[in-house]
Amino acid sequence: MRNIFIILLSATFFVACNENPTESITYYPNGSVHLKGIWVDGLRQGEHITYNENGAITLKVNYVDSVENGYMFIGYESGEVRAKGNLVDGVQQGEWIIYYESGGVDTKGNLVDGEKQGEWISYFENGGVEFKENYINGVYEGEQIGYYENGAVKAKSNFVDGVLQG
């Protein structure tokens, strides 16, 4: 493990000091690719991809001047999508979706400046709705509903400024 760290540190230092666009690739001891991306003037640019030892993508993110911007993919060790969404200046923005490893949607909702905004819906693995929650600036607001797997309502509550009412 110490040797991998030294190799990665050396490769990162070499690439970061290079003033021309350079593709950086680091490898696992088994020879498979670990990290791949472009550096320009010591800054990450464009798509950078992280793989596990079996070659599955576990992270894919776009950079502008070493700041995360654009589409982000987070994968399970199997390579199946775990989460995806967008970043602006390193902050989550827009729709984000979290998945079960089986491929079904676990949770989806909108983020504004990294805070939950509007309706967020969580699903059972069978696809049925488990929760519906509402947020304003990351704080519970309005009606929250939980469901049983058969679709029947399990619980309802109402929030104002994050405080449970009644």
N, C-alpha and C. Protein backbone atom coordinates (compact mmCIF):
# COMPACT_ATOMS: atom_id res chain seq x y z
N MET A 1 0.84 -1.19 0.00
CA MET A 1 0.00 0.00 0.00
C MET A 1 0.87 1.24 0.00
N ARG A 2 1.96 1.21 0.77
CA ARG A 2 2.87 2.35 0.84
C ARG A 2 3.45 2.65 -0.55
N ASN A 3 3.77 1.61 -1.31
CA ASN A 3 4.31 1.81 -2.65
C ASN A 3 3.30 2.47 -3.58
N ILE A 4 2.03 2.08 -3.45
CA ILE A 4 0.98 2.69 -4.28
C ILE A 4 0.87 4.17 -3.96
N PHE A 5 0.91 4.51 -2.67
CA PHE A 5 0.80 5.91 -2.26
C PHE A 5 1.97 6.72 -2.84
N ILE A 6 3.18 6.19 -2.76
CA ILE A 6 4.35 6.90 -3.27
C ILE A 6 4.25 7.08 -4.78
N ILE A 7 3.83 6.04 -5.49
CA ILE A 7 3.67 6.14 -6.95
C ILE A 7 2.61 7.18 -7.28
N LEU A 8 1.45 7.15 -6.60
CA LEU A 8 0.39 8.12 -6.88
C LEU A 8 0.84 9.54 -6.55
N LEU A 9 1.55 9.71 -5.44
CA LEU A 9 2.04 11.03 -5.05
C LEU A 9 3.04 11.54 -6.07
N SER A 10 3.94 10.69 -6.51
CA SER A 10 4.93 11.09 -7.51
C SER A 10 4.27 11.45 -8.83
N ALA A 11 3.32 10.64 -9.26
CA ALA A 11 2.63 10.92 -10.53
C ALA A 11 1.84 12.21 -10.43
N THR A 12 1.17 12.43 -9.31
CA THR A 12 0.40 13.66 -9.13
C THR A 12 1.31 14.87 -9.13
N PHE A 13 2.45 14.80 -8.44
CA PHE A 13 3.38 15.91 -8.39
C PHE A 13 3.91 16.22 -9.79
N PHE A 14 4.30 15.19 -10.53
CA PHE A 14 4.82 15.37 -11.88
C PHE A 14 3.78 16.05 -12.77
N VAL A 15 2.57 15.56 -12.74
CA VAL A 15 1.53 16.11 -13.59
C VAL A 15 1.17 17.52 -13.16
N ALA A 16 1.07 17.77 -11.85
CA ALA A 16 0.68 19.08 -11.36
C ALA A 16 1.71 20.15 -11.72
N CYS A 17 2.97 19.76 -11.88
CA CYS A 17 4.02 20.73 -12.21
C CYS A 17 4.15 20.95 -13.71
N ASN A 18 3.50 20.17 -14.51
CA ASN A 18 3.59 20.27 -15.95
C ASN A 18 2.65 21.36 -16.45
N GLU A 19 3.13 22.27 -17.30
CA GLU A 19 2.33 23.39 -17.76
C GLU A 19 1.54 23.08 -19.03
N ASN A 20 1.74 21.94 -19.64
CA ASN A 20 1.00 21.57 -20.84
C ASN A 20 -0.12 20.61 -20.47
N PRO A 21 -1.18 20.57 -21.30
CA PRO A 21 -2.23 19.58 -21.03
C PRO A 21 -1.63 18.18 -21.01
N THR A 22 -1.84 17.48 -19.92
CA THR A 22 -1.26 16.16 -19.76
C THR A 22 -2.30 15.21 -19.21
N GLU A 23 -2.40 14.05 -19.83
CA GLU A 23 -3.28 13.02 -19.29
C GLU A 23 -2.53 12.30 -18.19
N SER A 24 -3.15 12.22 -17.04
CA SER A 24 -2.58 11.52 -15.90
C SER A 24 -3.32 10.21 -15.73
N ILE A 25 -2.56 9.12 -15.67
CA ILE A 25 -3.15 7.80 -15.43
C ILE A 25 -2.36 7.13 -14.32
N THR A 26 -3.05 6.68 -13.28
CA THR A 26 -2.41 5.91 -12.23
C THR A 26 -3.01 4.51 -12.25
N TYR A 27 -2.22 3.55 -11.76
CA TYR A 27 -2.60 2.14 -11.88
C TYR A 27 -2.58 1.44 -10.53
N TYR A 28 -3.40 0.41 -10.42
CA TYR A 28 -3.35 -0.51 -9.29
C TYR A 28 -2.19 -1.48 -9.51
N PRO A 29 -1.73 -2.16 -8.45
CA PRO A 29 -0.64 -3.14 -8.61
C PRO A 29 -0.97 -4.24 -9.63
N ASN A 30 -2.27 -4.53 -9.84
CA ASN A 30 -2.64 -5.57 -10.80
C ASN A 30 -2.60 -5.06 -12.25
N GLY A 31 -2.25 -3.77 -12.42
CA GLY A 31 -2.12 -3.21 -13.76
C GLY A 31 -3.37 -2.51 -14.28
N SER A 32 -4.48 -2.63 -13.57
CA SER A 32 -5.69 -1.96 -14.03
C SER A 32 -5.64 -0.47 -13.67
N VAL A 33 -6.34 0.33 -14.46
CA VAL A 33 -6.34 1.78 -14.25
C VAL A 33 -7.08 2.13 -12.97
N HIS A 34 -6.51 3.03 -12.18
CA HIS A 34 -7.12 3.53 -10.94
C HIS A 34 -7.75 4.90 -11.17
N LEU A 35 -6.98 5.85 -11.67
CA LEU A 35 -7.45 7.22 -11.92
C LEU A 35 -7.01 7.66 -13.31
N LYS A 36 -7.87 8.45 -13.97
CA LYS A 36 -7.52 8.98 -15.27
C LYS A 36 -8.10 10.38 -15.40
N GLY A 37 -7.29 11.33 -15.84
CA GLY A 37 -7.79 12.68 -16.03
C GLY A 37 -6.75 13.59 -16.67
N ILE A 38 -7.16 14.79 -17.04
CA ILE A 38 -6.30 15.78 -17.69
C ILE A 38 -5.94 16.88 -16.69
N TRP A 39 -4.69 17.29 -16.72
CA TRP A 39 -4.20 18.41 -15.92
C TRP A 39 -3.65 19.46 -16.88
N VAL A 40 -3.93 20.73 -16.62
CA VAL A 40 -3.39 21.84 -17.39
C VAL A 40 -2.89 22.89 -16.40
N ASP A 41 -1.63 23.25 -16.51
CA ASP A 41 -1.03 24.23 -15.61
C ASP A 41 -1.27 23.89 -14.15
N GLY A 42 -1.18 22.62 -13.82
CA GLY A 42 -1.32 22.17 -12.44
C GLY A 42 -2.75 22.06 -11.95
N LEU A 43 -3.73 22.26 -12.85
CA LEU A 43 -5.14 22.22 -12.45
C LEU A 43 -5.87 21.10 -13.19
N ARG A 44 -6.79 20.45 -12.49
CA ARG A 44 -7.63 19.43 -13.13
C ARG A 44 -8.55 20.11 -14.12
N GLN A 45 -8.67 19.51 -15.30
CA GLN A 45 -9.55 20.05 -16.34
C GLN A 45 -10.30 18.89 -16.98
N GLY A 46 -11.55 19.10 -17.27
CA GLY A 46 -12.33 18.08 -17.97
C GLY A 46 -12.70 16.90 -17.09
N GLU A 47 -13.03 15.81 -17.75
CA GLU A 47 -13.53 14.63 -17.06
C GLU A 47 -12.40 13.85 -16.37
N HIS A 48 -12.62 13.52 -15.10
CA HIS A 48 -11.71 12.67 -14.35
C HIS A 48 -12.50 11.45 -13.90
N ILE A 49 -11.89 10.29 -14.06
CA ILE A 49 -12.59 9.03 -13.77
C ILE A 49 -11.77 8.21 -12.78
N THR A 50 -12.47 7.66 -11.78
CA THR A 50 -11.87 6.74 -10.82
C THR A 50 -12.48 5.37 -11.04
N TYR A 51 -11.62 4.36 -11.07
CA TYR A 51 -12.05 2.97 -11.28
C TYR A 51 -11.70 2.14 -10.06
N ASN A 52 -12.41 1.04 -9.86
CA ASN A 52 -11.99 0.09 -8.84
C ASN A 52 -11.03 -0.91 -9.49
N GLU A 53 -10.48 -1.81 -8.69
CA GLU A 53 -9.49 -2.76 -9.23
C GLU A 53 -10.05 -3.69 -10.30
N ASN A 54 -11.36 -3.84 -10.34
CA ASN A 54 -11.98 -4.69 -11.36
C ASN A 54 -12.32 -3.92 -12.64
N GLY A 55 -12.02 -2.62 -12.66
CA GLY A 55 -12.25 -1.81 -13.86
C GLY A 55 -13.59 -1.10 -13.91
N ALA A 56 -14.41 -1.25 -12.88
CA ALA A 56 -15.71 -0.57 -12.86
C ALA A 56 -15.52 0.89 -12.45
N ILE A 57 -16.26 1.79 -13.07
CA ILE A 57 -16.19 3.21 -12.73
C ILE A 57 -16.91 3.44 -11.40
N THR A 58 -16.21 4.07 -10.46
CA THR A 58 -16.81 4.38 -9.16
C THR A 58 -17.02 5.89 -8.98
N LEU A 59 -16.38 6.70 -9.82
CA LEU A 59 -16.58 8.15 -9.76
C LEU A 59 -16.21 8.75 -11.10
N LYS A 60 -17.07 9.62 -11.59
CA LYS A 60 -16.80 10.36 -12.82
C LYS A 60 -17.26 11.79 -12.57
N VAL A 61 -16.35 12.73 -12.72
CA VAL A 61 -16.69 14.13 -12.45
C VAL A 61 -15.92 15.04 -13.40
N ASN A 62 -16.53 16.15 -13.75
CA ASN A 62 -15.92 17.13 -14.63
C ASN A 62 -15.32 18.27 -13.81
N TYR A 63 -14.16 18.76 -14.23
CA TYR A 63 -13.49 19.85 -13.53
C TYR A 63 -13.23 21.03 -14.46
N VAL A 64 -13.32 22.23 -13.90
CA VAL A 64 -12.87 23.45 -14.54
C VAL A 64 -11.96 24.12 -13.53
N ASP A 65 -10.68 24.23 -13.87
CA ASP A 65 -9.69 24.83 -12.96
C ASP A 65 -9.72 24.18 -11.57
N SER A 66 -9.76 22.86 -11.53
CA SER A 66 -9.75 22.04 -10.31
C SER A 66 -10.99 22.18 -9.44
N VAL A 67 -12.06 22.78 -9.98
CA VAL A 67 -13.32 22.89 -9.27
C VAL A 67 -14.34 22.02 -10.00
N GLU A 68 -15.08 21.21 -9.25
CA GLU A 68 -16.07 20.32 -9.84
C GLU A 68 -17.18 21.15 -10.49
N ASN A 69 -17.40 20.92 -11.77
CA ASN A 69 -18.44 21.61 -12.53
C ASN A 69 -19.02 20.66 -13.55
N GLY A 70 -20.32 20.52 -13.55
CA GLY A 70 -20.97 19.65 -14.52
C GLY A 70 -21.45 18.35 -13.90
N TYR A 71 -21.63 17.38 -14.76
CA TYR A 71 -22.20 16.09 -14.39
C TYR A 71 -21.28 15.32 -13.46
N MET A 72 -21.88 14.67 -12.44
CA MET A 72 -21.14 13.77 -11.54
C MET A 72 -21.85 12.43 -11.49
N PHE A 73 -21.07 11.37 -11.59
CA PHE A 73 -21.54 9.99 -11.49
C PHE A 73 -20.81 9.34 -10.33
N ILE A 74 -21.55 8.73 -9.42
CA ILE A 74 -20.97 7.96 -8.33
C ILE A 74 -21.46 6.53 -8.50
N GLY A 75 -20.55 5.58 -8.54
CA GLY A 75 -20.92 4.21 -8.81
C GLY A 75 -20.69 3.28 -7.64
N TYR A 76 -21.45 2.20 -7.63
CA TYR A 76 -21.20 1.10 -6.69
C TYR A 76 -19.96 0.36 -7.15
N GLU A 77 -19.42 -0.50 -6.31
CA GLU A 77 -18.25 -1.30 -6.69
C GLU A 77 -18.55 -2.14 -7.94
N SER A 78 -19.80 -2.47 -8.16
CA SER A 78 -20.20 -3.25 -9.33
C SER A 78 -20.16 -2.41 -10.61
N GLY A 79 -20.08 -1.08 -10.45
CA GLY A 79 -20.12 -0.18 -11.60
C GLY A 79 -21.50 0.38 -11.87
N GLU A 80 -22.52 -0.19 -11.20
CA GLU A 80 -23.89 0.34 -11.35
C GLU A 80 -23.96 1.73 -10.72
N VAL A 81 -24.81 2.57 -11.27
CA VAL A 81 -24.94 3.94 -10.76
C VAL A 81 -25.48 3.95 -9.33
N ARG A 82 -24.81 4.70 -8.46
CA ARG A 82 -25.24 4.89 -7.07
C ARG A 82 -25.94 6.24 -6.93
N ALA A 83 -25.39 7.26 -7.60
CA ALA A 83 -25.99 8.60 -7.57
C ALA A 83 -25.49 9.37 -8.78
N LYS A 84 -26.32 10.32 -9.21
CA LYS A 84 -25.88 11.20 -10.30
C LYS A 84 -26.58 12.54 -10.18
N GLY A 85 -25.89 13.56 -10.63
CA GLY A 85 -26.42 14.91 -10.59
C GLY A 85 -25.40 15.89 -11.12
N ASN A 86 -25.63 17.16 -10.88
CA ASN A 86 -24.75 18.21 -11.38
C ASN A 86 -24.16 19.03 -10.26
N LEU A 87 -22.98 19.58 -10.57
CA LEU A 87 -22.29 20.47 -9.65
C LEU A 87 -21.99 21.77 -10.37
N VAL A 88 -22.11 22.88 -9.65
CA VAL A 88 -21.72 24.19 -10.15
C VAL A 88 -20.78 24.78 -9.12
N ASP A 89 -19.56 25.06 -9.53
CA ASP A 89 -18.54 25.58 -8.61
C ASP A 89 -18.41 24.70 -7.37
N GLY A 90 -18.46 23.38 -7.57
CA GLY A 90 -18.26 22.43 -6.49
C GLY A 90 -19.46 22.19 -5.59
N VAL A 91 -20.60 22.79 -5.93
CA VAL A 91 -21.81 22.67 -5.10
C VAL A 91 -22.91 21.96 -5.89
N GLN A 92 -23.61 21.04 -5.24
CA GLN A 92 -24.70 20.31 -5.90
C GLN A 92 -25.82 21.26 -6.30
N GLN A 93 -26.23 21.13 -7.57
CA GLN A 93 -27.30 21.97 -8.11
C GLN A 93 -28.21 21.12 -8.98
N GLY A 94 -29.49 21.38 -8.93
CA GLY A 94 -30.42 20.68 -9.81
C GLY A 94 -30.83 19.33 -9.30
N GLU A 95 -31.38 18.51 -10.20
CA GLU A 95 -31.89 17.20 -9.80
C GLU A 95 -30.75 16.23 -9.49
N TRP A 96 -30.89 15.55 -8.36
CA TRP A 96 -29.99 14.48 -7.95
C TRP A 96 -30.83 13.24 -7.75
N ILE A 97 -30.30 12.14 -8.22
CA ILE A 97 -31.00 10.86 -8.10
C ILE A 97 -30.05 9.85 -7.46
N ILE A 98 -30.55 9.15 -6.45
CA ILE A 98 -29.81 8.09 -5.77
C ILE A 98 -30.48 6.77 -6.12
N TYR A 99 -29.67 5.76 -6.43
CA TYR A 99 -30.19 4.48 -6.91
C TYR A 99 -29.85 3.33 -5.97
N TYR A 100 -30.70 2.33 -5.98
CA TYR A 100 -30.37 1.04 -5.38
C TYR A 100 -29.38 0.35 -6.32
N GLU A 101 -28.57 -0.54 -5.79
CA GLU A 101 -27.61 -1.24 -6.64
C GLU A 101 -28.31 -2.06 -7.72
N SER A 102 -29.55 -2.44 -7.47
CA SER A 102 -30.33 -3.20 -8.46
C SER A 102 -30.73 -2.33 -9.65
N GLY A 103 -30.57 -1.00 -9.52
CA GLY A 103 -30.88 -0.10 -10.63
C GLY A 103 -32.11 0.76 -10.42
N GLY A 104 -32.96 0.39 -9.47
CA GLY A 104 -34.16 1.18 -9.20
C GLY A 104 -33.83 2.47 -8.46
N VAL A 105 -34.70 3.46 -8.61
CA VAL A 105 -34.49 4.73 -7.93
C VAL A 105 -34.77 4.58 -6.45
N ASP A 106 -33.86 5.07 -5.62
CA ASP A 106 -34.01 5.09 -4.16
C ASP A 106 -34.62 6.43 -3.75
N THR A 107 -34.00 7.53 -4.16
CA THR A 107 -34.44 8.87 -3.77
C THR A 107 -34.14 9.84 -4.90
N LYS A 108 -35.03 10.83 -5.07
CA LYS A 108 -34.73 11.88 -6.04
C LYS A 108 -35.32 13.19 -5.58
N GLY A 109 -34.63 14.26 -5.95
CA GLY A 109 -35.08 15.58 -5.58
C GLY A 109 -34.14 16.64 -6.13
N ASN A 110 -34.46 17.88 -5.83
CA ASN A 110 -33.73 19.02 -6.36
C ASN A 110 -32.87 19.65 -5.26
N LEU A 111 -31.68 20.09 -5.67
CA LEU A 111 -30.79 20.80 -4.75
C LEU A 111 -30.50 22.19 -5.31
N VAL A 112 -30.52 23.18 -4.44
CA VAL A 112 -30.14 24.54 -4.79
C VAL A 112 -29.04 24.95 -3.82
N ASP A 113 -27.88 25.26 -4.35
CA ASP A 113 -26.72 25.60 -3.51
C ASP A 113 -26.46 24.53 -2.46
N GLY A 114 -26.64 23.26 -2.84
CA GLY A 114 -26.38 22.14 -1.96
C GLY A 114 -27.45 21.84 -0.94
N GLU A 115 -28.53 22.60 -0.96
CA GLU A 115 -29.64 22.41 0.00
C GLU A 115 -30.84 21.79 -0.71
N LYS A 116 -31.52 20.86 -0.02
CA LYS A 116 -32.74 20.28 -0.57
C LYS A 116 -33.77 21.37 -0.78
N GLN A 117 -34.44 21.31 -1.94
CA GLN A 117 -35.43 22.33 -2.28
C GLN A 117 -36.61 21.64 -2.96
N GLY A 118 -37.82 21.92 -2.48
CA GLY A 118 -39.00 21.34 -3.09
C GLY A 118 -39.24 19.91 -2.65
N GLU A 119 -39.94 19.16 -3.48
CA GLU A 119 -40.35 17.80 -3.11
C GLU A 119 -39.21 16.80 -3.34
N TRP A 120 -38.99 15.96 -2.34
CA TRP A 120 -38.07 14.83 -2.41
C TRP A 120 -38.90 13.57 -2.22
N ILE A 121 -38.64 12.59 -3.06
CA ILE A 121 -39.38 11.34 -2.99
C ILE A 121 -38.41 10.18 -2.81
N SER A 122 -38.69 9.33 -1.83
CA SER A 122 -37.93 8.10 -1.60
C SER A 122 -38.81 6.92 -1.96
N TYR A 123 -38.19 5.91 -2.54
CA TYR A 123 -38.91 4.75 -3.04
C TYR A 123 -38.45 3.47 -2.37
N PHE A 124 -39.37 2.52 -2.23
CA PHE A 124 -38.99 1.17 -1.85
C PHE A 124 -38.26 0.55 -3.04
N GLU A 125 -37.53 -0.49 -2.78
CA GLU A 125 -36.79 -1.13 -3.87
C GLU A 125 -37.73 -1.70 -4.94
N ASN A 126 -38.99 -1.99 -4.56
CA ASN A 126 -39.95 -2.50 -5.54
C ASN A 126 -40.55 -1.40 -6.41
N GLY A 127 -40.16 -0.12 -6.15
CA GLY A 127 -40.63 0.99 -6.96
C GLY A 127 -41.75 1.81 -6.35
N GLY A 128 -42.39 1.29 -5.31
CA GLY A 128 -43.46 2.04 -4.66
C GLY A 128 -42.91 3.21 -3.84
N VAL A 129 -43.72 4.24 -3.69
CA VAL A 129 -43.29 5.42 -2.93
C VAL A 129 -43.22 5.09 -1.44
N GLU A 130 -42.10 5.46 -0.80
CA GLU A 130 -41.91 5.25 0.64
C GLU A 130 -42.13 6.55 1.42
N PHE A 131 -41.61 7.66 0.92
CA PHE A 131 -41.77 8.97 1.57
C PHE A 131 -41.92 10.06 0.53
N LYS A 132 -42.67 11.09 0.88
CA LYS A 132 -42.70 12.33 0.13
C LYS A 132 -42.43 13.43 1.15
N GLU A 133 -41.39 14.20 0.90
CA GLU A 133 -41.00 15.25 1.83
C GLU A 133 -40.82 16.55 1.07
N ASN A 134 -41.07 17.66 1.73
CA ASN A 134 -40.91 18.97 1.11
C ASN A 134 -39.90 19.80 1.90
N TYR A 135 -39.10 20.56 1.16
CA TYR A 135 -38.05 21.36 1.78
C TYR A 135 -38.03 22.77 1.20
N ILE A 136 -37.61 23.71 2.04
CA ILE A 136 -37.24 25.05 1.60
C ILE A 136 -35.87 25.32 2.21
N ASN A 137 -34.89 25.52 1.34
CA ASN A 137 -33.51 25.78 1.79
C ASN A 137 -33.00 24.73 2.77
N GLY A 138 -33.30 23.45 2.48
CA GLY A 138 -32.82 22.35 3.29
C GLY A 138 -33.57 22.09 4.57
N VAL A 139 -34.67 22.81 4.79
CA VAL A 139 -35.46 22.68 6.02
C VAL A 139 -36.84 22.12 5.66
N TYR A 140 -37.30 21.13 6.48
CA TYR A 140 -38.65 20.60 6.25
C TYR A 140 -39.66 21.73 6.20
N GLU A 141 -40.57 21.64 5.22
CA GLU A 141 -41.64 22.63 5.10
C GLU A 141 -42.84 21.96 4.46
N GLY A 142 -43.99 22.08 5.11
CA GLY A 142 -45.22 21.53 4.56
C GLY A 142 -45.42 20.08 4.92
N GLU A 143 -46.23 19.42 4.12
CA GLU A 143 -46.65 18.05 4.42
C GLU A 143 -45.56 17.03 4.08
N GLN A 144 -45.38 16.11 5.00
CA GLN A 144 -44.49 14.96 4.82
C GLN A 144 -45.36 13.71 4.96
N ILE A 145 -45.23 12.79 4.01
CA ILE A 145 -46.07 11.58 4.04
C ILE A 145 -45.18 10.35 3.91
N GLY A 146 -45.42 9.37 4.78
CA GLY A 146 -44.77 8.07 4.69
C GLY A 146 -45.78 7.01 4.30
N TYR A 147 -45.32 6.01 3.54
CA TYR A 147 -46.20 4.97 3.02
C TYR A 147 -45.68 3.58 3.37
N TYR A 148 -46.61 2.65 3.46
CA TYR A 148 -46.26 1.24 3.53
C TYR A 148 -45.97 0.74 2.11
N GLU A 149 -45.34 -0.42 2.02
CA GLU A 149 -45.02 -0.97 0.70
C GLU A 149 -46.27 -1.24 -0.14
N ASN A 150 -47.42 -1.46 0.50
CA ASN A 150 -48.65 -1.71 -0.25
C ASN A 150 -49.31 -0.42 -0.74
N GLY A 151 -48.69 0.75 -0.41
CA GLY A 151 -49.22 2.03 -0.87
C GLY A 151 -50.10 2.75 0.13
N ALA A 152 -50.49 2.08 1.19
CA ALA A 152 -51.31 2.72 2.22
C ALA A 152 -50.47 3.75 2.98
N VAL A 153 -51.12 4.82 3.41
CA VAL A 153 -50.44 5.86 4.17
C VAL A 153 -50.03 5.34 5.54
N LYS A 154 -48.78 5.52 5.90
CA LYS A 154 -48.24 5.09 7.18
C LYS A 154 -48.29 6.24 8.19
N ALA A 155 -47.92 7.44 7.74
CA ALA A 155 -47.91 8.60 8.64
C ALA A 155 -47.94 9.88 7.82
N LYS A 156 -48.55 10.91 8.41
CA LYS A 156 -48.56 12.24 7.81
C LYS A 156 -48.14 13.23 8.88
N SER A 157 -47.39 14.22 8.48
CA SER A 157 -47.03 15.28 9.42
C SER A 157 -46.88 16.58 8.64
N ASN A 158 -46.91 17.67 9.36
CA ASN A 158 -46.79 18.97 8.73
C ASN A 158 -45.72 19.78 9.46
N PHE A 159 -44.88 20.44 8.68
CA PHE A 159 -43.80 21.24 9.24
C PHE A 159 -43.91 22.69 8.79
N VAL A 160 -43.55 23.61 9.68
CA VAL A 160 -43.42 25.03 9.35
C VAL A 160 -42.03 25.44 9.83
N ASP A 161 -41.22 25.92 8.91
CA ASP A 161 -39.83 26.32 9.23
C ASP A 161 -39.08 25.23 9.98
N GLY A 162 -39.30 23.97 9.59
CA GLY A 162 -38.60 22.85 10.19
C GLY A 162 -39.14 22.36 11.51
N VAL A 163 -40.23 22.97 11.98
CA VAL A 163 -40.82 22.58 13.26
C VAL A 163 -42.10 21.80 13.02
N LEU A 164 -42.18 20.62 13.62
CA LEU A 164 -43.35 19.78 13.50
C LEU A 164 -44.56 20.48 14.12
N GLN A 165 -45.65 20.51 13.38
CA GLN A 165 -46.88 21.16 13.86
C GLN A 165 -47.87 20.12 14.37
N GLY A 166 -48.62 20.50 15.41
CA GLY A 166 -49.71 19.68 15.93
C GLY A 166 -49.22 18.45 16.56
